[in-house]
Amino acid sequence: MKGFLLLITFSYALSAFAQTVTVPDPEFPSRPYYLKDGKLENLEKISAAIDISGMGGRVSLTAFQSKSDIRFSKNSLPQFYIKIEGSGDASDKVDVGIAIVKKDRRRFTQEATGFNGAAKDISSTKASVSLKKIREGLYQVIFDKPLASGEYAFMPSMDLGSLMGGGKLTLFCFGVD
């Protein structure tokens, strides 16, 4: 009986050890990665134009390609990780946008306000995520709901005022089929 219990305990410990994933240290902070064969891989890094339109103000980030080169099946998404430095709530620093796809571009809404300056609901243009702390500064990004087929981007989290100067920002993109 003792041998049987020892065997069960050993088997349980071995199975727990086998399921543990070691995540390497990311090279750059604030850059999301996905895990493939035990290595952190880059997402599509693209320079997006900042577009401000509408009467009240809609700030979008536009990537001038209709699809990302990095593709995943919606039935087998990889694990995503990000290194976040600094103080404050890490979840405030991760924003995943859902693209509105045109024939030659992907547009990700960053902010929107009405004519009177009141904020508009843009929750349909964002994927809801949670963060799981792996170790100091390293987080796993967990999507709260299954992702539908489409185009997605990890976007810089910032307020409307910081985007008014125009220019370009870096997005880290992927597609789900």
Foldseek 3Di string as FASTA:
>chain_A
DVVVVVVVVVVVVVVVVVPDQDADDDPDALAKFFDDPNYTHAFDKFKWWWDWDDLQTWTKTKGFAQAGPAEDALVDDTKMKGFHDDDDDVVLFWWKFFFDGDHGMTIGIQFDADNVRHGDDPVVGTFDWDWDDPDHRMTIIGGPDRDDFGKMWTFGRDDPVVCVVIDIDMIGIYTYD
